[in-house]
N, C-alpha and C. Protein backbone atom coordinates (compact mmCIF):
# COMPACT_ATOMS: atom_id res chain seq x y z
N MET A 1 -1.94 -3.45 -18.98
CA MET A 1 -1.51 -3.93 -17.76
C MET A 1 -2.32 -4.97 -17.33
N GLN A 2 -1.64 -6.08 -17.07
CA GLN A 2 -2.54 -7.38 -16.53
C GLN A 2 -2.32 -7.34 -15.03
N HIS A 3 -3.37 -7.53 -14.28
CA HIS A 3 -3.42 -7.55 -13.05
C HIS A 3 -3.59 -8.99 -12.43
N THR A 4 -3.25 -9.48 -11.26
CA THR A 4 -3.34 -10.84 -10.79
C THR A 4 -4.68 -10.48 -9.68
N THR A 5 -5.46 -11.46 -9.56
CA THR A 5 -6.37 -11.60 -8.63
C THR A 5 -5.95 -11.21 -7.14
N LEU A 6 -6.37 -10.33 -6.77
CA LEU A 6 -6.01 -9.67 -5.27
C LEU A 6 -6.87 -10.20 -4.21
N PRO A 7 -6.36 -10.23 -2.93
CA PRO A 7 -7.34 -10.70 -1.77
C PRO A 7 -8.46 -9.90 -1.84
N VAL A 8 -8.57 -8.71 -1.85
CA VAL A 8 -9.85 -7.62 -1.88
C VAL A 8 -10.82 -8.11 -2.95
N LEU A 9 -10.41 -8.37 -3.97
CA LEU A 9 -11.22 -8.70 -5.21
C LEU A 9 -11.97 -9.99 -4.86
N GLU A 10 -11.06 -11.06 -4.30
CA GLU A 10 -11.55 -12.59 -4.18
C GLU A 10 -12.54 -12.07 -2.93
N HIS A 11 -12.33 -11.45 -1.97
CA HIS A 11 -13.39 -11.22 -0.76
C HIS A 11 -14.69 -10.72 -1.36
N LEU A 12 -14.55 -9.82 -2.35
CA LEU A 12 -15.85 -8.92 -2.75
C LEU A 12 -16.57 -9.95 -3.74
N ARG A 13 -15.75 -10.90 -4.47
CA ARG A 13 -16.45 -11.98 -5.46
C ARG A 13 -17.09 -12.69 -4.57
N GLN A 14 -16.48 -13.32 -3.26
CA GLN A 14 -17.30 -14.12 -2.50
C GLN A 14 -18.62 -13.49 -2.11
N LEU A 15 -18.57 -12.10 -1.69
CA LEU A 15 -19.65 -11.45 -1.07
C LEU A 15 -20.92 -11.41 -2.12
N VAL A 16 -20.22 -11.10 -3.36
CA VAL A 16 -21.39 -10.99 -4.56
C VAL A 16 -22.19 -12.31 -4.94
N VAL A 17 -21.49 -13.35 -4.78
CA VAL A 17 -22.37 -14.66 -4.74
C VAL A 17 -22.95 -15.35 -3.54
N GLY A 18 -22.98 -14.50 -2.53
CA GLY A 18 -23.69 -14.69 -1.20
C GLY A 18 -22.82 -15.74 -0.35
N ALA A 19 -21.74 -15.88 -0.42
CA ALA A 19 -20.85 -16.76 0.40
C ALA A 19 -20.42 -15.94 1.29
N THR A 20 -19.95 -16.71 2.49
CA THR A 20 -19.22 -16.00 3.77
C THR A 20 -17.74 -15.97 3.23
N PRO A 21 -17.20 -14.68 3.06
CA PRO A 21 -15.73 -14.65 2.89
C PRO A 21 -15.07 -15.54 3.93
N ASP A 22 -14.04 -16.24 3.12
CA ASP A 22 -13.22 -17.04 3.82
C ASP A 22 -11.86 -16.36 4.83
N ALA A 23 -11.66 -15.16 4.53
CA ALA A 23 -10.75 -14.28 5.42
C ALA A 23 -11.36 -12.96 5.49
N ALA A 24 -10.70 -12.36 6.39
CA ALA A 24 -10.84 -10.72 6.66
C ALA A 24 -10.16 -10.11 5.85
N ILE A 25 -10.23 -8.74 5.36
CA ILE A 25 -9.58 -7.83 4.82
C ILE A 25 -9.37 -6.56 5.37
N HIS A 26 -8.50 -5.90 4.70
CA HIS A 26 -8.36 -4.45 5.86
C HIS A 26 -9.19 -3.41 5.57
N LEU A 27 -10.17 -3.91 4.63
CA LEU A 27 -11.25 -2.79 4.15
C LEU A 27 -12.61 -3.20 4.77
N GLN A 28 -13.53 -2.45 5.00
CA GLN A 28 -14.90 -2.84 5.43
C GLN A 28 -15.95 -2.83 4.38
N TYR A 29 -16.54 -3.98 4.11
CA TYR A 29 -17.44 -4.17 3.22
C TYR A 29 -18.53 -5.12 3.83
N PRO A 30 -19.81 -4.84 3.79
CA PRO A 30 -20.29 -3.71 3.09
C PRO A 30 -19.92 -2.40 4.03
N THR A 31 -19.87 -1.13 3.24
CA THR A 31 -19.59 -0.07 4.07
C THR A 31 -20.55 0.34 4.76
N ALA A 32 -20.72 1.08 5.95
CA ALA A 32 -21.81 1.54 6.52
C ALA A 32 -22.70 2.37 5.80
N ILE A 33 -22.28 3.16 4.92
CA ILE A 33 -23.34 4.13 4.10
C ILE A 33 -23.81 3.17 3.11
N SER A 34 -23.21 2.37 2.55
CA SER A 34 -23.92 1.57 1.54
C SER A 34 -24.97 0.72 2.25
N GLY A 35 -24.76 0.08 3.44
CA GLY A 35 -25.84 -0.45 4.11
C GLY A 35 -26.91 0.15 4.48
N LEU A 36 -26.66 1.58 4.89
CA LEU A 36 -27.60 2.47 5.28
C LEU A 36 -28.67 2.83 4.02
N LEU A 37 -28.08 2.95 2.80
CA LEU A 37 -28.79 3.41 1.65
C LEU A 37 -29.21 2.18 1.11
N GLY A 38 -28.87 1.00 1.48
CA GLY A 38 -29.58 -0.26 0.58
C GLY A 38 -28.85 -0.58 -0.50
N PHE A 39 -27.53 -0.30 -0.94
CA PHE A 39 -26.68 -0.47 -2.07
C PHE A 39 -26.34 -1.98 -1.87
N GLU A 40 -26.18 -2.94 -2.96
CA GLU A 40 -25.61 -3.98 -3.00
C GLU A 40 -24.71 -4.07 -4.28
N ILE A 41 -23.61 -4.84 -4.01
CA ILE A 41 -22.48 -5.04 -5.22
C ILE A 41 -23.37 -6.13 -6.02
N ALA A 42 -23.48 -5.81 -7.14
CA ALA A 42 -24.15 -6.60 -8.21
C ALA A 42 -22.90 -7.40 -8.90
N SER A 43 -21.80 -6.67 -9.09
CA SER A 43 -20.71 -7.64 -9.86
C SER A 43 -19.52 -6.80 -9.61
N VAL A 44 -18.17 -7.72 -9.60
CA VAL A 44 -17.15 -7.04 -9.39
C VAL A 44 -15.94 -7.75 -10.11
N GLY A 45 -14.95 -6.88 -10.80
CA GLY A 45 -13.87 -7.63 -11.31
C GLY A 45 -12.63 -6.64 -11.34
N ALA A 46 -11.51 -7.00 -11.62
CA ALA A 46 -10.32 -6.17 -11.44
C ALA A 46 -10.68 -4.82 -12.03
N GLU A 47 -10.60 -3.67 -11.29
CA GLU A 47 -10.77 -2.55 -11.60
C GLU A 47 -12.30 -2.16 -12.19
N THR A 48 -13.23 -2.89 -11.90
CA THR A 48 -14.54 -2.53 -12.28
C THR A 48 -15.56 -3.22 -11.11
N ALA A 49 -16.59 -2.37 -11.15
CA ALA A 49 -17.76 -3.03 -10.12
C ALA A 49 -18.78 -2.40 -10.62
N SER A 50 -20.19 -3.01 -10.30
CA SER A 50 -21.48 -2.42 -10.34
C SER A 50 -22.07 -2.63 -9.17
N VAL A 51 -22.86 -1.46 -8.54
CA VAL A 51 -23.45 -1.39 -7.46
C VAL A 51 -25.19 -1.12 -7.84
N ARG A 52 -25.92 -1.82 -6.87
CA ARG A 52 -27.39 -1.72 -7.42
C ARG A 52 -28.30 -1.23 -6.27
N VAL A 53 -29.33 -0.52 -6.63
CA VAL A 53 -30.21 -0.28 -5.40
C VAL A 53 -31.68 0.08 -6.22
N SER A 54 -32.70 -0.36 -5.29
CA SER A 54 -34.14 0.17 -5.61
C SER A 54 -34.22 1.50 -4.92
N VAL A 55 -35.05 2.43 -5.79
CA VAL A 55 -35.23 3.87 -5.31
C VAL A 55 -36.73 4.04 -5.55
N ASP A 56 -37.18 4.96 -4.89
CA ASP A 56 -38.41 5.74 -4.84
C ASP A 56 -38.38 6.99 -4.34
N PRO A 57 -39.16 7.89 -5.04
CA PRO A 57 -38.84 9.44 -4.61
C PRO A 57 -39.39 9.72 -3.30
N SER A 58 -40.54 8.76 -2.75
CA SER A 58 -40.78 8.89 -1.41
C SER A 58 -39.73 8.80 -0.31
N ARG A 59 -38.63 8.13 -0.66
CA ARG A 59 -37.48 7.81 0.24
C ARG A 59 -36.43 8.74 -0.26
N HIS A 60 -36.09 8.77 -1.50
CA HIS A 60 -34.82 9.22 -2.08
C HIS A 60 -35.41 10.42 -2.96
N GLY A 61 -36.26 11.22 -2.79
CA GLY A 61 -36.74 12.27 -3.73
C GLY A 61 -36.28 13.67 -3.28
N ASN A 62 -36.44 14.34 -4.31
CA ASN A 62 -36.00 15.89 -4.31
C ASN A 62 -37.48 16.53 -4.40
N GLN A 63 -37.27 17.98 -4.36
CA GLN A 63 -38.61 18.78 -4.41
C GLN A 63 -39.28 18.81 -5.67
N GLN A 64 -38.69 18.09 -6.61
CA GLN A 64 -39.62 18.00 -7.97
C GLN A 64 -40.20 16.66 -7.97
N GLY A 65 -39.85 15.70 -6.83
CA GLY A 65 -40.79 14.36 -7.14
C GLY A 65 -39.83 13.30 -7.71
N THR A 66 -38.43 13.58 -8.13
CA THR A 66 -37.77 12.59 -8.76
C THR A 66 -36.84 12.09 -7.76
N VAL A 67 -35.92 11.04 -7.97
CA VAL A 67 -34.73 10.56 -7.22
C VAL A 67 -33.55 11.87 -7.09
N HIS A 68 -33.24 12.16 -5.93
CA HIS A 68 -32.14 13.26 -5.76
C HIS A 68 -31.01 12.86 -6.51
N GLY A 69 -30.34 13.98 -7.20
CA GLY A 69 -29.05 13.81 -7.90
C GLY A 69 -27.90 13.42 -6.89
N GLY A 70 -27.99 13.87 -5.69
CA GLY A 70 -26.98 13.57 -4.88
C GLY A 70 -26.91 12.12 -4.56
N PHE A 71 -28.24 11.46 -4.63
CA PHE A 71 -28.14 10.09 -4.29
C PHE A 71 -27.67 9.38 -5.49
N LEU A 72 -27.81 9.68 -6.66
CA LEU A 72 -27.21 9.09 -7.86
C LEU A 72 -25.67 9.29 -7.74
N VAL A 73 -25.17 10.44 -7.27
CA VAL A 73 -23.71 10.48 -7.06
C VAL A 73 -23.11 9.62 -6.08
N GLU A 74 -23.88 9.60 -4.93
CA GLU A 74 -23.53 8.54 -3.97
C GLU A 74 -23.38 7.03 -4.33
N LEU A 75 -24.42 6.76 -5.23
CA LEU A 75 -24.44 5.42 -5.84
C LEU A 75 -23.11 5.13 -6.68
N ALA A 76 -22.81 6.11 -7.68
CA ALA A 76 -21.75 6.01 -8.42
C ALA A 76 -20.42 6.18 -7.64
N ASP A 77 -20.24 6.81 -6.56
CA ASP A 77 -19.32 6.82 -5.75
C ASP A 77 -18.96 5.47 -5.11
N ALA A 78 -20.21 4.72 -4.60
CA ALA A 78 -19.76 3.40 -4.08
C ALA A 78 -19.30 2.52 -5.24
N ALA A 79 -19.82 2.59 -6.38
CA ALA A 79 -19.30 1.68 -7.52
C ALA A 79 -17.95 2.04 -7.62
N ILE A 80 -17.44 3.31 -7.81
CA ILE A 80 -16.09 3.47 -8.15
C ILE A 80 -15.14 3.26 -7.15
N GLY A 81 -15.54 3.61 -5.68
CA GLY A 81 -14.93 3.07 -4.43
C GLY A 81 -14.62 1.50 -4.50
N THR A 82 -15.69 0.81 -4.95
CA THR A 82 -15.56 -0.82 -4.92
C THR A 82 -14.61 -1.09 -6.00
N ALA A 83 -14.69 -0.56 -7.05
CA ALA A 83 -13.71 -1.01 -8.19
C ALA A 83 -12.28 -0.40 -7.85
N HIS A 84 -12.12 0.65 -7.06
CA HIS A 84 -10.76 0.68 -6.73
C HIS A 84 -10.45 -0.03 -5.59
N SER A 85 -11.22 -0.44 -4.69
CA SER A 85 -10.84 -1.47 -3.79
C SER A 85 -10.09 -2.85 -4.33
N THR A 86 -10.44 -3.07 -5.45
CA THR A 86 -10.01 -4.31 -5.95
C THR A 86 -8.59 -4.26 -6.44
N LEU A 87 -8.06 -2.86 -6.18
CA LEU A 87 -6.52 -2.90 -6.60
C LEU A 87 -5.82 -2.72 -5.20
N MET A 88 -6.39 -2.62 -4.12
CA MET A 88 -5.72 -2.59 -2.84
C MET A 88 -5.12 -3.85 -2.41
N VAL A 89 -3.99 -3.51 -1.73
CA VAL A 89 -3.22 -4.67 -1.09
C VAL A 89 -3.09 -4.28 0.34
N HIS A 90 -2.59 -5.20 1.35
CA HIS A 90 -2.31 -4.77 2.66
C HIS A 90 -1.58 -3.66 2.87
N GLY A 91 -1.87 -2.58 3.57
CA GLY A 91 -0.99 -1.28 3.87
C GLY A 91 -1.44 -0.24 2.93
N GLU A 92 -2.56 -0.64 2.05
CA GLU A 92 -2.82 0.56 1.06
C GLU A 92 -4.28 0.97 1.46
N THR A 93 -4.56 2.13 1.09
CA THR A 93 -5.88 2.37 1.26
C THR A 93 -6.25 3.57 -0.07
N PHE A 94 -7.33 4.36 -0.02
CA PHE A 94 -7.51 5.32 -0.89
C PHE A 94 -8.38 6.52 -0.47
N THR A 95 -8.31 7.71 -1.23
CA THR A 95 -9.47 8.73 -1.11
C THR A 95 -9.74 9.37 -2.47
N SER A 96 -11.05 9.45 -2.44
CA SER A 96 -11.52 10.27 -3.70
C SER A 96 -10.96 11.76 -3.69
N ILE A 97 -10.51 12.24 -4.77
CA ILE A 97 -10.03 13.52 -4.82
C ILE A 97 -10.82 14.72 -5.72
N ASP A 98 -12.02 14.02 -6.50
CA ASP A 98 -12.76 14.69 -7.16
C ASP A 98 -13.78 13.76 -7.62
N ILE A 99 -15.02 14.46 -7.76
CA ILE A 99 -16.21 13.56 -8.43
C ILE A 99 -17.04 14.73 -9.40
N ARG A 100 -17.32 14.28 -10.34
CA ARG A 100 -18.19 15.19 -11.52
C ARG A 100 -19.25 14.38 -11.96
N ALA A 101 -20.47 15.02 -12.10
CA ALA A 101 -21.74 14.07 -12.62
C ALA A 101 -22.32 14.97 -13.52
N ALA A 102 -23.07 14.50 -14.45
CA ALA A 102 -23.77 15.07 -15.48
C ALA A 102 -25.09 14.23 -15.40
N PHE A 103 -26.31 14.75 -15.26
CA PHE A 103 -27.56 14.35 -15.02
C PHE A 103 -28.15 14.21 -16.38
N LEU A 104 -28.70 13.18 -16.93
CA LEU A 104 -29.21 13.01 -18.20
C LEU A 104 -30.80 12.74 -18.28
N ARG A 105 -31.17 11.99 -17.21
CA ARG A 105 -32.62 11.57 -17.42
C ARG A 105 -33.20 11.53 -15.61
N PRO A 106 -34.45 11.72 -15.60
CA PRO A 106 -34.81 11.73 -14.31
C PRO A 106 -35.36 10.33 -13.84
N VAL A 107 -35.24 10.10 -12.76
CA VAL A 107 -35.50 8.70 -12.08
C VAL A 107 -36.79 8.94 -11.02
N TRP A 108 -37.57 7.99 -11.36
CA TRP A 108 -38.54 7.96 -10.31
C TRP A 108 -38.47 6.35 -9.47
N VAL A 109 -39.47 5.63 -9.31
CA VAL A 109 -39.52 4.34 -8.97
C VAL A 109 -38.89 3.42 -9.74
N ASP A 110 -37.76 2.79 -9.33
CA ASP A 110 -36.77 2.20 -10.37
C ASP A 110 -35.74 1.47 -9.57
N THR A 111 -35.24 0.56 -10.47
CA THR A 111 -33.90 -0.15 -9.96
C THR A 111 -32.70 0.52 -10.83
N LEU A 112 -31.72 0.99 -10.06
CA LEU A 112 -30.49 1.77 -10.82
C LEU A 112 -29.46 0.82 -10.42
N THR A 113 -28.44 0.76 -11.60
CA THR A 113 -27.23 0.15 -11.45
C THR A 113 -26.00 1.24 -11.82
N ALA A 114 -25.02 1.31 -11.03
CA ALA A 114 -23.84 2.09 -11.30
C ALA A 114 -22.73 1.03 -11.76
N THR A 115 -22.31 1.17 -12.86
CA THR A 115 -21.21 0.41 -13.26
C THR A 115 -19.91 1.35 -13.56
N ALA A 116 -18.88 1.20 -12.92
CA ALA A 116 -17.75 1.92 -12.76
C ALA A 116 -16.61 1.17 -13.43
N ARG A 117 -15.62 1.89 -14.21
CA ARG A 117 -14.57 1.21 -14.69
C ARG A 117 -13.32 2.11 -14.78
N THR A 118 -12.20 1.75 -14.82
CA THR A 118 -10.96 2.52 -14.79
C THR A 118 -10.74 3.24 -16.16
N THR A 119 -10.54 4.42 -16.44
CA THR A 119 -10.34 4.98 -17.60
C THR A 119 -8.77 5.27 -17.64
N HIS A 120 -8.11 5.50 -16.60
CA HIS A 120 -6.62 5.58 -16.51
C HIS A 120 -6.14 5.12 -15.10
N HIS A 121 -5.17 4.34 -15.32
CA HIS A 121 -4.68 3.69 -13.76
C HIS A 121 -3.04 3.98 -13.91
N GLY A 122 -2.78 4.92 -12.76
CA GLY A 122 -1.48 5.38 -12.48
C GLY A 122 -1.04 4.73 -11.18
N ARG A 123 0.29 4.91 -10.94
CA ARG A 123 0.63 4.19 -9.48
C ARG A 123 0.12 4.77 -8.50
N THR A 124 -0.42 6.19 -8.43
CA THR A 124 -1.09 6.81 -7.24
C THR A 124 -2.55 7.48 -7.61
N ILE A 125 -2.59 7.85 -8.90
CA ILE A 125 -3.89 8.50 -9.23
C ILE A 125 -4.40 7.64 -10.37
N THR A 126 -5.68 7.27 -10.13
CA THR A 126 -6.59 6.53 -11.03
C THR A 126 -7.93 7.33 -11.46
N HIS A 127 -8.30 7.12 -12.63
CA HIS A 127 -9.32 7.89 -13.13
C HIS A 127 -10.46 6.83 -13.43
N TYR A 128 -11.67 7.23 -13.06
CA TYR A 128 -12.91 6.43 -13.22
C TYR A 128 -14.17 7.06 -14.13
N ALA A 129 -14.69 6.26 -14.79
CA ALA A 129 -16.01 6.68 -15.35
C ALA A 129 -17.14 5.63 -14.87
N CYS A 130 -18.32 6.20 -14.72
CA CYS A 130 -19.37 5.37 -14.15
C CYS A 130 -20.67 5.89 -14.68
N ASP A 131 -21.31 4.94 -15.26
CA ASP A 131 -22.94 5.02 -15.60
C ASP A 131 -23.71 4.62 -14.67
N VAL A 132 -24.75 5.51 -14.38
CA VAL A 132 -26.01 5.05 -13.66
C VAL A 132 -27.13 4.81 -14.35
N THR A 133 -27.36 3.58 -14.63
CA THR A 133 -28.39 3.15 -15.65
C THR A 133 -29.79 2.74 -14.87
N ARG A 134 -30.72 3.13 -15.62
CA ARG A 134 -32.16 2.84 -15.11
C ARG A 134 -32.49 1.39 -15.55
N ALA A 135 -33.52 0.64 -15.00
CA ALA A 135 -33.87 -0.61 -15.49
C ALA A 135 -34.13 -0.68 -16.84
N ASP A 136 -34.61 0.36 -17.55
CA ASP A 136 -34.91 0.39 -19.00
C ASP A 136 -33.74 0.40 -19.92
N GLY A 137 -32.58 0.49 -19.38
CA GLY A 137 -31.23 0.29 -19.88
C GLY A 137 -30.76 1.78 -20.38
N LYS A 138 -31.74 2.97 -19.93
CA LYS A 138 -30.98 4.17 -20.26
C LYS A 138 -30.24 4.78 -19.43
N VAL A 139 -29.22 5.70 -19.67
CA VAL A 139 -28.34 6.17 -18.45
C VAL A 139 -29.10 7.44 -17.89
N ALA A 140 -29.05 7.45 -16.45
CA ALA A 140 -29.75 8.67 -15.85
C ALA A 140 -28.55 9.63 -15.68
N ALA A 141 -27.28 9.03 -15.24
CA ALA A 141 -26.16 10.04 -15.02
C ALA A 141 -24.82 9.38 -15.34
N THR A 142 -24.12 10.26 -15.82
CA THR A 142 -22.51 9.75 -15.82
C THR A 142 -21.75 10.69 -14.97
N VAL A 143 -20.92 9.61 -14.42
CA VAL A 143 -19.88 10.40 -13.10
C VAL A 143 -18.53 9.89 -13.62
N THR A 144 -17.61 11.07 -13.39
CA THR A 144 -16.42 10.56 -13.38
C THR A 144 -15.56 10.88 -12.15
N SER A 145 -14.43 10.38 -11.65
CA SER A 145 -14.01 10.53 -10.38
C SER A 145 -12.44 10.17 -10.61
N THR A 146 -11.66 10.87 -9.75
CA THR A 146 -10.24 10.62 -9.55
C THR A 146 -10.05 10.08 -8.13
N VAL A 147 -9.20 9.05 -8.13
CA VAL A 147 -9.20 8.51 -6.61
C VAL A 147 -7.39 8.23 -6.62
N MET A 148 -7.01 8.57 -5.29
CA MET A 148 -5.61 8.57 -5.03
C MET A 148 -5.42 7.47 -4.03
N THR A 149 -4.30 6.62 -4.45
CA THR A 149 -3.95 5.39 -3.66
C THR A 149 -3.08 6.06 -2.47
N LEU A 150 -3.23 5.62 -1.23
CA LEU A 150 -2.34 5.87 -0.23
C LEU A 150 -1.80 4.77 0.28
N ARG A 151 -0.33 5.14 0.50
CA ARG A 151 0.50 3.88 0.93
C ARG A 151 1.10 4.56 2.47
N GLY A 152 1.95 3.72 3.12
CA GLY A 152 2.79 3.75 4.15
C GLY A 152 2.28 4.67 5.13
N ASP A 153 2.79 5.65 5.60
CA ASP A 153 2.31 6.84 6.60
C ASP A 153 0.93 7.29 6.22
N ALA A 154 0.77 7.66 5.00
CA ALA A 154 -0.50 8.27 4.37
C ALA A 154 -1.52 7.35 4.62
N ALA A 155 -1.51 6.06 4.47
CA ALA A 155 -2.44 5.06 4.72
C ALA A 155 -2.92 4.73 6.09
N GLN A 156 -2.37 5.36 7.11
CA GLN A 156 -2.47 4.89 8.32
C GLN A 156 -3.68 5.61 9.02
N GLY A 157 -4.62 4.80 9.61
CA GLY A 157 -5.59 5.35 10.27
C GLY A 157 -6.89 5.96 9.34
N ARG A 158 -6.82 5.46 8.04
CA ARG A 158 -7.71 5.85 7.14
C ARG A 158 -8.64 4.52 6.97
């Protein structure tokens, strides 16, 4: 299925290159949680996005002294949400309906990149896969998620 460039996608592409977007969109970028956690959009395309963050167990750690798994899931969720945003047109929004993670390797002081891509795109339900990769190129976690697009009254106030 071929998609045309969408206004949200163009807005995000302008953010990635450091430009001031030339128009507002109906979604908020950067999101408040991404700003709080230091996430930045590294790349974006139709149905795909990469989000990057520098981590350190002194700020993002668990009791074992590695970066907390929940932080890795939040990073993946940000990439998945950004990827899904590229599909949104005015009057549409979305919500995650599930997320699952498999943790493969520990992370200490590092730069992580979460890269999300669509595995199945339906009219309402879209499935994503996301790898959270360490700077050495090794995958620290794989995350899958299902996202539901909301339209009409269901999208109001979201």
